[in-house]
Amino acid sequence: MTSPLETLIDIIHTEADLLAAVGANYSFGRLASKTNNDWPRVMWVSDNGSIVDTTYVGGRLVSGESGTRQTVQRVDAANCEVQCWGEDFEAAIDLRDAVVNACLRETKGSVRFGSYRVVTETSAGADYAVSGCKIVMQLTLQVPIIMETAAQTVISSQSHAATFVAKTTGSTTSVC
């Protein structure tokens, strides 16, 4: 069974620029680093988190279903270490930027970015001469914790009936 965090990461990797940059060469979890060792690649490692109140979220549309909405009461603020591996420094930076942009677009801003560090062959030994350059960044993804799924109310029409009363003359004017 896939966790909500892994599902969100899969959605992030469907974003066009990131998909073009890395294809399906991304993984979740530290153990995957041994089997996923060809660049360009992205490795996501969950690193603790916290449960926080939602802000400005009344409900999200259920993916693939019309007429239902999920009620979100709390959010899992999942801290992640994201490793962006490129052939060289420039390729690693380009990949990091693609991940940042995909996160912003696909999470609708429900992401916070932290610091990053660059690991090259000069700072980590000869292994990186073969493995490429790695940029390790910290980010927090806000993953909704769904309380319930409820029917969505669809408003098919609206009518406004309002009048404006002029202060000086007392006459009324229809405004809608």
N, C-alpha and C. Protein backbone atom coordinates (compact mmCIF):
# COMPACT_ATOMS: atom_id res chain seq x y z
N MET A 1 0.84 -1.18 0.00
CA MET A 1 0.00 0.00 0.00
C MET A 1 0.88 1.25 0.00
N THR A 2 0.55 2.18 -0.84
CA THR A 2 1.34 3.40 -0.97
C THR A 2 0.85 4.44 0.04
N SER A 3 1.79 5.09 0.70
CA SER A 3 1.44 6.12 1.68
C SER A 3 0.99 7.39 0.95
N PRO A 4 0.22 8.27 1.65
CA PRO A 4 -0.17 9.54 1.02
C PRO A 4 1.04 10.37 0.59
N LEU A 5 2.14 10.31 1.34
CA LEU A 5 3.35 11.04 0.96
C LEU A 5 3.92 10.50 -0.35
N GLU A 6 4.00 9.19 -0.48
CA GLU A 6 4.51 8.60 -1.72
C GLU A 6 3.59 8.92 -2.90
N THR A 7 2.28 8.93 -2.67
CA THR A 7 1.33 9.29 -3.72
C THR A 7 1.57 10.72 -4.18
N LEU A 8 1.78 11.64 -3.22
CA LEU A 8 2.05 13.03 -3.58
C LEU A 8 3.36 13.15 -4.36
N ILE A 9 4.38 12.41 -3.98
CA ILE A 9 5.66 12.44 -4.71
C ILE A 9 5.46 11.91 -6.13
N ASP A 10 4.66 10.86 -6.28
CA ASP A 10 4.35 10.35 -7.62
C ASP A 10 3.66 11.42 -8.46
N ILE A 11 2.74 12.18 -7.85
CA ILE A 11 2.05 13.25 -8.56
C ILE A 11 3.03 14.35 -8.96
N ILE A 12 3.94 14.70 -8.06
CA ILE A 12 4.96 15.72 -8.36
C ILE A 12 5.79 15.30 -9.58
N HIS A 13 6.10 14.01 -9.67
CA HIS A 13 6.93 13.53 -10.77
C HIS A 13 6.18 13.38 -12.09
N THR A 14 4.87 13.65 -12.11
CA THR A 14 4.15 13.67 -13.37
C THR A 14 4.21 15.04 -14.03
N GLU A 15 4.71 16.04 -13.31
CA GLU A 15 4.83 17.40 -13.84
C GLU A 15 5.79 17.36 -15.04
N ALA A 16 5.41 18.02 -16.12
CA ALA A 16 6.08 17.85 -17.42
C ALA A 16 7.59 18.10 -17.40
N ASP A 17 8.05 19.21 -16.81
CA ASP A 17 9.47 19.53 -16.84
C ASP A 17 10.29 18.51 -16.04
N LEU A 18 9.77 18.09 -14.89
CA LEU A 18 10.48 17.11 -14.07
C LEU A 18 10.46 15.75 -14.75
N LEU A 19 9.34 15.40 -15.34
CA LEU A 19 9.24 14.12 -16.06
C LEU A 19 10.24 14.09 -17.22
N ALA A 20 10.39 15.22 -17.91
CA ALA A 20 11.35 15.29 -19.01
C ALA A 20 12.79 15.20 -18.51
N ALA A 21 13.04 15.77 -17.32
CA ALA A 21 14.41 15.80 -16.79
C ALA A 21 14.86 14.47 -16.23
N VAL A 22 13.97 13.73 -15.57
CA VAL A 22 14.40 12.53 -14.85
C VAL A 22 13.64 11.27 -15.26
N GLY A 23 12.53 11.43 -15.97
CA GLY A 23 11.73 10.26 -16.35
C GLY A 23 11.22 9.54 -15.11
N ALA A 24 11.32 8.23 -15.11
CA ALA A 24 10.85 7.42 -13.98
C ALA A 24 11.99 7.10 -13.02
N ASN A 25 13.12 7.77 -13.17
CA ASN A 25 14.29 7.45 -12.34
C ASN A 25 14.25 8.26 -11.04
N TYR A 26 13.27 7.96 -10.21
CA TYR A 26 13.17 8.55 -8.88
C TYR A 26 12.72 7.46 -7.92
N SER A 27 13.00 7.66 -6.65
CA SER A 27 12.65 6.63 -5.68
C SER A 27 12.32 7.26 -4.35
N PHE A 28 11.71 6.45 -3.49
CA PHE A 28 11.32 6.89 -2.15
C PHE A 28 11.98 5.96 -1.15
N GLY A 29 12.72 6.52 -0.21
CA GLY A 29 13.35 5.72 0.84
C GLY A 29 14.84 5.56 0.64
N ARG A 30 15.54 5.55 1.74
CA ARG A 30 17.00 5.48 1.71
C ARG A 30 17.52 4.16 1.11
N LEU A 31 16.81 3.06 1.31
CA LEU A 31 17.26 1.77 0.77
C LEU A 31 17.29 1.76 -0.76
N ALA A 32 16.46 2.57 -1.37
CA ALA A 32 16.39 2.61 -2.83
C ALA A 32 17.66 3.18 -3.46
N SER A 33 18.50 3.86 -2.68
CA SER A 33 19.71 4.46 -3.24
C SER A 33 20.65 3.41 -3.81
N LYS A 34 20.60 2.19 -3.31
CA LYS A 34 21.49 1.13 -3.81
C LYS A 34 21.02 0.56 -5.15
N THR A 35 19.71 0.60 -5.39
CA THR A 35 19.19 0.04 -6.64
C THR A 35 18.96 1.11 -7.69
N ASN A 36 18.91 2.35 -7.30
CA ASN A 36 18.61 3.46 -8.21
C ASN A 36 19.86 4.33 -8.30
N ASN A 37 20.88 3.88 -9.04
CA ASN A 37 22.17 4.55 -8.96
C ASN A 37 22.65 5.17 -10.26
N ASP A 38 21.76 5.42 -11.20
CA ASP A 38 22.16 6.02 -12.46
C ASP A 38 21.56 7.42 -12.56
N TRP A 39 22.35 8.42 -12.87
CA TRP A 39 21.84 9.78 -12.98
C TRP A 39 21.29 10.02 -14.37
N PRO A 40 20.42 10.99 -14.59
CA PRO A 40 19.85 11.85 -13.56
C PRO A 40 18.82 11.09 -12.74
N ARG A 41 18.80 11.35 -11.45
CA ARG A 41 17.84 10.68 -10.58
C ARG A 41 17.51 11.56 -9.39
N VAL A 42 16.37 11.28 -8.79
CA VAL A 42 15.92 11.98 -7.59
C VAL A 42 15.57 10.92 -6.56
N MET A 43 16.07 11.10 -5.35
CA MET A 43 15.75 10.19 -4.27
C MET A 43 15.11 10.98 -3.13
N TRP A 44 13.95 10.55 -2.67
CA TRP A 44 13.20 11.19 -1.60
C TRP A 44 13.33 10.35 -0.34
N VAL A 45 13.72 10.97 0.76
CA VAL A 45 13.82 10.27 2.04
C VAL A 45 12.99 11.03 3.07
N SER A 46 11.99 10.35 3.62
CA SER A 46 11.16 10.97 4.65
C SER A 46 11.98 11.12 5.92
N ASP A 47 11.89 12.29 6.53
CA ASP A 47 12.74 12.58 7.70
C ASP A 47 11.91 13.27 8.78
N ASN A 48 11.04 12.49 9.43
CA ASN A 48 10.19 13.02 10.51
C ASN A 48 9.18 14.02 9.98
N GLY A 49 8.47 14.67 10.87
CA GLY A 49 7.46 15.64 10.49
C GLY A 49 6.62 16.00 11.69
N SER A 50 5.49 16.64 11.46
CA SER A 50 4.58 16.99 12.54
C SER A 50 3.17 17.11 11.98
N ILE A 51 2.19 16.96 12.86
CA ILE A 51 0.79 17.12 12.49
C ILE A 51 0.40 18.54 12.86
N VAL A 52 -0.08 19.30 11.88
CA VAL A 52 -0.40 20.70 12.11
C VAL A 52 -1.82 21.00 11.64
N ASP A 53 -2.37 22.11 12.13
CA ASP A 53 -3.69 22.55 11.69
C ASP A 53 -3.62 23.01 10.24
N THR A 54 -4.73 22.87 9.55
CA THR A 54 -4.79 23.37 8.18
C THR A 54 -4.94 24.88 8.20
N THR A 55 -4.52 25.49 7.11
CA THR A 55 -4.71 26.92 6.95
C THR A 55 -5.36 27.13 5.59
N TYR A 56 -6.48 27.82 5.57
CA TYR A 56 -7.16 28.17 4.34
C TYR A 56 -7.57 26.95 3.50
N VAL A 57 -7.89 25.85 4.14
CA VAL A 57 -8.33 24.66 3.41
C VAL A 57 -9.69 24.24 3.94
N GLY A 58 -10.72 24.32 3.11
CA GLY A 58 -12.04 23.89 3.53
C GLY A 58 -12.38 22.52 3.00
N GLY A 59 -11.67 22.07 2.02
CA GLY A 59 -11.91 20.78 1.42
C GLY A 59 -11.26 20.74 0.05
N ARG A 60 -10.89 19.56 -0.38
CA ARG A 60 -10.25 19.40 -1.67
C ARG A 60 -11.10 18.48 -2.52
N LEU A 61 -11.15 18.74 -3.81
CA LEU A 61 -11.88 17.85 -4.70
C LEU A 61 -11.21 16.49 -4.70
N VAL A 62 -12.01 15.45 -4.72
CA VAL A 62 -11.48 14.10 -4.77
C VAL A 62 -11.03 13.83 -6.19
N SER A 63 -9.79 13.41 -6.36
CA SER A 63 -9.23 13.18 -7.68
C SER A 63 -10.03 12.12 -8.43
N GLY A 64 -10.44 12.44 -9.65
CA GLY A 64 -11.13 11.48 -10.49
C GLY A 64 -12.62 11.36 -10.21
N GLU A 65 -13.14 12.04 -9.22
CA GLU A 65 -14.56 11.95 -8.91
C GLU A 65 -15.17 13.34 -8.99
N SER A 66 -16.34 13.44 -9.57
CA SER A 66 -17.02 14.72 -9.58
C SER A 66 -18.10 14.71 -8.51
N GLY A 67 -18.28 15.83 -7.88
CA GLY A 67 -19.35 15.95 -6.91
C GLY A 67 -18.99 15.54 -5.50
N THR A 68 -17.74 15.20 -5.21
CA THR A 68 -17.36 14.89 -3.84
C THR A 68 -16.19 15.76 -3.42
N ARG A 69 -16.11 16.02 -2.16
CA ARG A 69 -15.07 16.87 -1.59
C ARG A 69 -14.56 16.22 -0.32
N GLN A 70 -13.26 16.29 -0.10
CA GLN A 70 -12.66 15.74 1.11
C GLN A 70 -12.53 16.84 2.15
N THR A 71 -12.92 16.53 3.38
CA THR A 71 -12.76 17.48 4.47
C THR A 71 -11.40 17.25 5.11
N VAL A 72 -10.59 18.29 5.15
CA VAL A 72 -9.23 18.20 5.68
C VAL A 72 -9.20 18.98 6.99
N GLN A 73 -8.90 18.29 8.09
CA GLN A 73 -8.83 18.94 9.39
C GLN A 73 -7.39 19.17 9.84
N ARG A 74 -6.50 18.28 9.48
CA ARG A 74 -5.10 18.37 9.87
C ARG A 74 -4.22 18.05 8.67
N VAL A 75 -2.98 18.46 8.76
CA VAL A 75 -2.01 18.22 7.69
C VAL A 75 -0.77 17.56 8.28
N ASP A 76 -0.27 16.56 7.58
CA ASP A 76 1.01 15.95 7.94
C ASP A 76 2.09 16.79 7.28
N ALA A 77 2.82 17.57 8.07
CA ALA A 77 3.92 18.37 7.54
C ALA A 77 5.14 17.46 7.50
N ALA A 78 5.33 16.78 6.37
CA ALA A 78 6.34 15.74 6.23
C ALA A 78 7.67 16.35 5.77
N ASN A 79 8.67 16.28 6.63
CA ASN A 79 10.01 16.76 6.26
C ASN A 79 10.67 15.72 5.37
N CYS A 80 11.26 16.16 4.30
CA CYS A 80 11.93 15.25 3.36
C CYS A 80 13.32 15.76 3.03
N GLU A 81 14.20 14.81 2.83
CA GLU A 81 15.50 15.10 2.24
C GLU A 81 15.38 14.65 0.79
N VAL A 82 15.67 15.55 -0.13
CA VAL A 82 15.57 15.23 -1.55
C VAL A 82 16.96 15.31 -2.16
N GLN A 83 17.41 14.20 -2.73
CA GLN A 83 18.73 14.14 -3.36
C GLN A 83 18.56 14.21 -4.87
N CYS A 84 19.14 15.22 -5.47
CA CYS A 84 19.08 15.42 -6.91
C CYS A 84 20.46 15.11 -7.49
N TRP A 85 20.56 14.00 -8.22
CA TRP A 85 21.82 13.56 -8.79
C TRP A 85 21.90 13.94 -10.26
N GLY A 86 22.98 14.62 -10.62
CA GLY A 86 23.22 14.97 -12.02
C GLY A 86 24.60 14.53 -12.45
N GLU A 87 24.83 14.55 -13.73
CA GLU A 87 26.14 14.15 -14.27
C GLU A 87 27.24 15.08 -13.76
N ASP A 88 26.90 16.37 -13.64
CA ASP A 88 27.86 17.36 -13.13
C ASP A 88 27.08 18.40 -12.33
N PHE A 89 27.77 19.43 -11.87
CA PHE A 89 27.16 20.44 -11.02
C PHE A 89 25.98 21.13 -11.71
N GLU A 90 26.17 21.53 -12.97
CA GLU A 90 25.11 22.23 -13.69
C GLU A 90 23.87 21.36 -13.85
N ALA A 91 24.08 20.08 -14.17
CA ALA A 91 22.95 19.15 -14.33
C ALA A 91 22.23 18.94 -13.00
N ALA A 92 22.97 18.88 -11.91
CA ALA A 92 22.35 18.71 -10.59
C ALA A 92 21.53 19.95 -10.21
N ILE A 93 22.05 21.15 -10.52
CA ILE A 93 21.31 22.39 -10.26
C ILE A 93 20.04 22.43 -11.09
N ASP A 94 20.13 22.07 -12.37
CA ASP A 94 18.95 22.05 -13.23
C ASP A 94 17.89 21.09 -12.70
N LEU A 95 18.33 19.93 -12.22
CA LEU A 95 17.40 18.95 -11.67
C LEU A 95 16.78 19.46 -10.38
N ARG A 96 17.59 20.08 -9.53
CA ARG A 96 17.05 20.67 -8.29
C ARG A 96 15.98 21.70 -8.61
N ASP A 97 16.24 22.56 -9.59
CA ASP A 97 15.27 23.59 -9.98
C ASP A 97 13.99 22.97 -10.53
N ALA A 98 14.12 21.87 -11.29
CA ALA A 98 12.94 21.17 -11.81
C ALA A 98 12.10 20.60 -10.67
N VAL A 99 12.76 20.06 -9.64
CA VAL A 99 12.04 19.53 -8.47
C VAL A 99 11.32 20.66 -7.74
N VAL A 100 12.00 21.78 -7.52
CA VAL A 100 11.40 22.93 -6.83
C VAL A 100 10.16 23.41 -7.58
N ASN A 101 10.30 23.61 -8.89
CA ASN A 101 9.18 24.10 -9.70
C ASN A 101 8.02 23.11 -9.73
N ALA A 102 8.33 21.82 -9.85
CA ALA A 102 7.27 20.80 -9.86
C ALA A 102 6.54 20.77 -8.52
N CYS A 103 7.28 20.90 -7.42
CA CYS A 103 6.66 20.93 -6.08
C CYS A 103 5.71 22.12 -5.96
N LEU A 104 6.14 23.27 -6.41
CA LEU A 104 5.31 24.47 -6.33
C LEU A 104 4.04 24.32 -7.16
N ARG A 105 4.18 23.80 -8.38
CA ARG A 105 3.02 23.68 -9.26
C ARG A 105 2.06 22.58 -8.81
N GLU A 106 2.58 21.42 -8.44
CA GLU A 106 1.71 20.28 -8.15
C GLU A 106 1.13 20.29 -6.74
N THR A 107 1.76 20.98 -5.80
CA THR A 107 1.21 21.03 -4.44
C THR A 107 0.44 22.31 -4.20
N LYS A 108 0.34 23.14 -5.22
CA LYS A 108 -0.37 24.43 -5.11
C LYS A 108 0.18 25.26 -3.96
N GLY A 109 1.49 25.20 -3.75
CA GLY A 109 2.13 26.02 -2.73
C GLY A 109 2.20 25.37 -1.36
N SER A 110 1.72 24.14 -1.19
CA SER A 110 1.74 23.48 0.12
C SER A 110 3.10 22.82 0.37
N VAL A 111 4.14 23.62 0.21
CA VAL A 111 5.51 23.12 0.38
C VAL A 111 6.35 24.25 0.96
N ARG A 112 7.27 23.90 1.84
CA ARG A 112 8.24 24.86 2.39
C ARG A 112 9.63 24.32 2.09
N PHE A 113 10.48 25.19 1.59
CA PHE A 113 11.84 24.79 1.24
C PHE A 113 12.81 25.23 2.33
N GLY A 114 13.81 24.39 2.57
CA GLY A 114 14.84 24.70 3.55
C GLY A 114 16.19 24.82 2.87
N SER A 115 17.22 24.46 3.58
CA SER A 115 18.57 24.61 3.06
C SER A 115 18.93 23.46 2.13
N TYR A 116 20.04 23.63 1.41
CA TYR A 116 20.56 22.56 0.57
C TYR A 116 22.08 22.56 0.65
N ARG A 117 22.67 21.44 0.27
CA ARG A 117 24.13 21.34 0.21
C ARG A 117 24.51 20.60 -1.06
N VAL A 118 25.72 20.88 -1.54
CA VAL A 118 26.22 20.26 -2.76
C VAL A 118 27.32 19.28 -2.39
N VAL A 119 27.22 18.07 -2.92
CA VAL A 119 28.23 17.04 -2.68
C VAL A 119 28.84 16.69 -4.04
N THR A 120 30.15 16.92 -4.19
CA THR A 120 30.83 16.63 -5.45
C THR A 120 31.97 15.67 -5.19
N GLU A 121 32.65 15.29 -6.26
CA GLU A 121 33.77 14.36 -6.13
C GLU A 121 34.89 14.93 -5.26
N THR A 122 35.03 16.25 -5.21
CA THR A 122 36.11 16.82 -4.41
C THR A 122 35.80 16.80 -2.92
N SER A 123 34.50 16.77 -2.57
CA SER A 123 34.16 16.80 -1.15
C SER A 123 33.85 15.42 -0.58
N ALA A 124 33.67 14.40 -1.42
CA ALA A 124 33.25 13.11 -0.89
C ALA A 124 34.09 11.93 -1.35
N GLY A 125 35.13 12.17 -2.11
CA GLY A 125 35.97 11.06 -2.53
C GLY A 125 35.68 10.62 -3.95
N ALA A 126 36.37 9.56 -4.37
CA ALA A 126 36.35 9.11 -5.76
C ALA A 126 35.01 8.53 -6.20
N ASP A 127 34.16 8.06 -5.28
CA ASP A 127 32.89 7.47 -5.66
C ASP A 127 32.03 8.43 -6.48
N TYR A 128 32.09 9.70 -6.16
CA TYR A 128 31.24 10.66 -6.84
C TYR A 128 31.74 11.00 -8.24
N ALA A 129 32.98 10.65 -8.57
CA ALA A 129 33.46 10.84 -9.93
C ALA A 129 32.65 9.97 -10.89
N VAL A 130 32.20 8.82 -10.42
CA VAL A 130 31.38 7.92 -11.22
C VAL A 130 29.91 8.25 -11.04
N SER A 131 29.51 8.58 -9.81
CA SER A 131 28.09 8.77 -9.49
C SER A 131 27.57 10.14 -9.87
N GLY A 132 28.43 11.11 -10.14
CA GLY A 132 27.99 12.44 -10.51
C GLY A 132 27.97 13.38 -9.32
N CYS A 133 27.26 14.47 -9.47
CA CYS A 133 27.14 15.49 -8.43
C CYS A 133 25.77 15.37 -7.78
N LYS A 134 25.72 15.57 -6.49
CA LYS A 134 24.47 15.43 -5.75
C LYS A 134 24.18 16.72 -5.01
N ILE A 135 22.94 17.19 -5.14
CA ILE A 135 22.46 18.30 -4.33
C ILE A 135 21.42 17.74 -3.39
N VAL A 136 21.62 17.95 -2.10
CA VAL A 136 20.70 17.45 -1.08
C VAL A 136 19.97 18.65 -0.50
N MET A 137 18.65 18.67 -0.67
CA MET A 137 17.88 19.79 -0.13
C MET A 137 16.83 19.28 0.85
N GLN A 138 16.45 20.17 1.74
CA GLN A 138 15.43 19.88 2.74
C GLN A 138 14.15 20.61 2.32
N LEU A 139 13.03 19.90 2.42
CA LEU A 139 11.74 20.54 2.18
C LEU A 139 10.67 19.87 3.03
N THR A 140 9.57 20.56 3.20
CA THR A 140 8.44 20.03 3.95
C THR A 140 7.21 20.07 3.05
N LEU A 141 6.61 18.90 2.83
CA LEU A 141 5.39 18.79 2.04
C LEU A 141 4.21 18.69 3.00
N GLN A 142 3.17 19.45 2.74
CA GLN A 142 1.97 19.40 3.57
C GLN A 142 1.00 18.42 2.93
N VAL A 143 0.88 17.24 3.54
CA VAL A 143 0.04 16.17 3.03
C VAL A 143 -1.27 16.17 3.81
N PRO A 144 -2.41 16.34 3.14
CA PRO A 144 -3.69 16.40 3.86
C PRO A 144 -4.01 15.08 4.58
N ILE A 145 -4.54 15.20 5.78
CA ILE A 145 -5.07 14.04 6.49
C ILE A 145 -6.59 14.16 6.34
N ILE A 146 -7.16 13.24 5.60
CA ILE A 146 -8.57 13.32 5.24
C ILE A 146 -9.44 12.81 6.39
N MET A 147 -10.43 13.61 6.78
CA MET A 147 -11.34 13.22 7.84
C MET A 147 -12.56 12.51 7.27
N GLU A 148 -13.12 13.03 6.19
CA GLU A 148 -14.31 12.44 5.60
C GLU A 148 -14.42 12.88 4.16
N THR A 149 -15.20 12.14 3.41
CA THR A 149 -15.51 12.54 2.05
C THR A 149 -17.00 12.83 2.01
N ALA A 150 -17.35 14.00 1.56
CA ALA A 150 -18.75 14.42 1.58
C ALA A 150 -19.19 14.86 0.20
N ALA A 151 -20.51 14.81 -0.02
CA ALA A 151 -21.06 15.25 -1.30
C ALA A 151 -20.84 16.74 -1.48
N GLN A 152 -20.55 17.12 -2.68
CA GLN A 152 -20.33 18.53 -3.01
C GLN A 152 -21.64 19.14 -3.45
N THR A 153 -21.92 20.34 -3.00
CA THR A 153 -23.11 21.07 -3.43
C THR A 153 -22.75 21.87 -4.67
N VAL A 154 -23.50 21.65 -5.73
CA VAL A 154 -23.25 22.35 -6.98
C VAL A 154 -24.29 23.46 -7.11
N ILE A 155 -23.83 24.69 -7.24
CA ILE A 155 -24.72 25.83 -7.41
C ILE A 155 -24.89 26.04 -8.91
N SER A 156 -26.12 25.86 -9.39
CA SER A 156 -26.36 25.96 -10.83
C SER A 156 -26.73 27.36 -11.28
N SER A 157 -27.31 28.15 -10.37
CA SER A 157 -27.63 29.52 -10.74
C SER A 157 -27.68 30.39 -9.50
N GLN A 158 -27.50 31.67 -9.70
CA GLN A 158 -27.55 32.64 -8.61
C GLN A 158 -28.34 33.84 -9.07
N SER A 159 -29.01 34.49 -8.13
CA SER A 159 -29.65 35.74 -8.47
C SER A 159 -29.35 36.75 -7.37
N HIS A 160 -29.13 37.95 -7.80
CA HIS A 160 -28.83 39.03 -6.86
C HIS A 160 -29.91 40.09 -7.01
N ALA A 161 -30.47 40.50 -5.91
CA ALA A 161 -31.46 41.57 -5.94
C ALA A 161 -31.04 42.58 -4.89
N ALA A 162 -30.42 43.64 -5.32
CA ALA A 162 -29.95 44.65 -4.39
C ALA A 162 -30.26 46.03 -4.94
N THR A 163 -30.47 46.95 -4.03
CA THR A 163 -30.71 48.34 -4.45
C THR A 163 -29.79 49.25 -3.69
N PHE A 164 -29.49 50.35 -4.29
CA PHE A 164 -28.65 51.38 -3.69
C PHE A 164 -29.54 52.58 -3.41
N VAL A 165 -29.46 53.09 -2.17
CA VAL A 165 -30.25 54.27 -1.80
C VAL A 165 -29.31 55.46 -1.74
N ALA A 166 -29.58 56.45 -2.58
CA ALA A 166 -28.74 57.65 -2.61
C ALA A 166 -28.93 58.43 -1.32
N LYS A 167 -27.82 58.79 -0.70
CA LYS A 167 -27.86 59.48 0.59
C LYS A 167 -28.51 60.86 0.50
N THR A 168 -28.25 61.53 -0.57
CA THR A 168 -28.74 62.92 -0.66
C THR A 168 -30.19 63.02 -1.10
N THR A 169 -30.62 62.12 -2.02
CA THR A 169 -31.97 62.24 -2.57
C THR A 169 -32.92 61.19 -2.00
N GLY A 170 -32.41 60.08 -1.50
CA GLY A 170 -33.27 59.00 -1.01
C GLY A 170 -33.83 58.14 -2.10
N SER A 171 -33.46 58.39 -3.36
CA SER A 171 -33.98 57.57 -4.45
C SER A 171 -33.22 56.24 -4.52
N THR A 172 -33.92 55.20 -5.00
CA THR A 172 -33.31 53.87 -5.07
C THR A 172 -32.93 53.54 -6.50
N THR A 173 -31.84 52.80 -6.64
CA THR A 173 -31.34 52.35 -7.94
C THR A 173 -30.99 50.88 -7.83
N SER A 174 -31.42 50.08 -8.77
CA SER A 174 -31.06 48.65 -8.79
C SER A 174 -29.59 48.53 -9.19
N VAL A 175 -28.84 47.70 -8.44
CA VAL A 175 -27.41 47.56 -8.74
C VAL A 175 -27.05 46.19 -9.26
N CYS A 176 -27.94 45.25 -9.25
CA CYS A 176 -27.66 43.91 -9.79
C CYS A 176 -28.70 43.49 -10.77
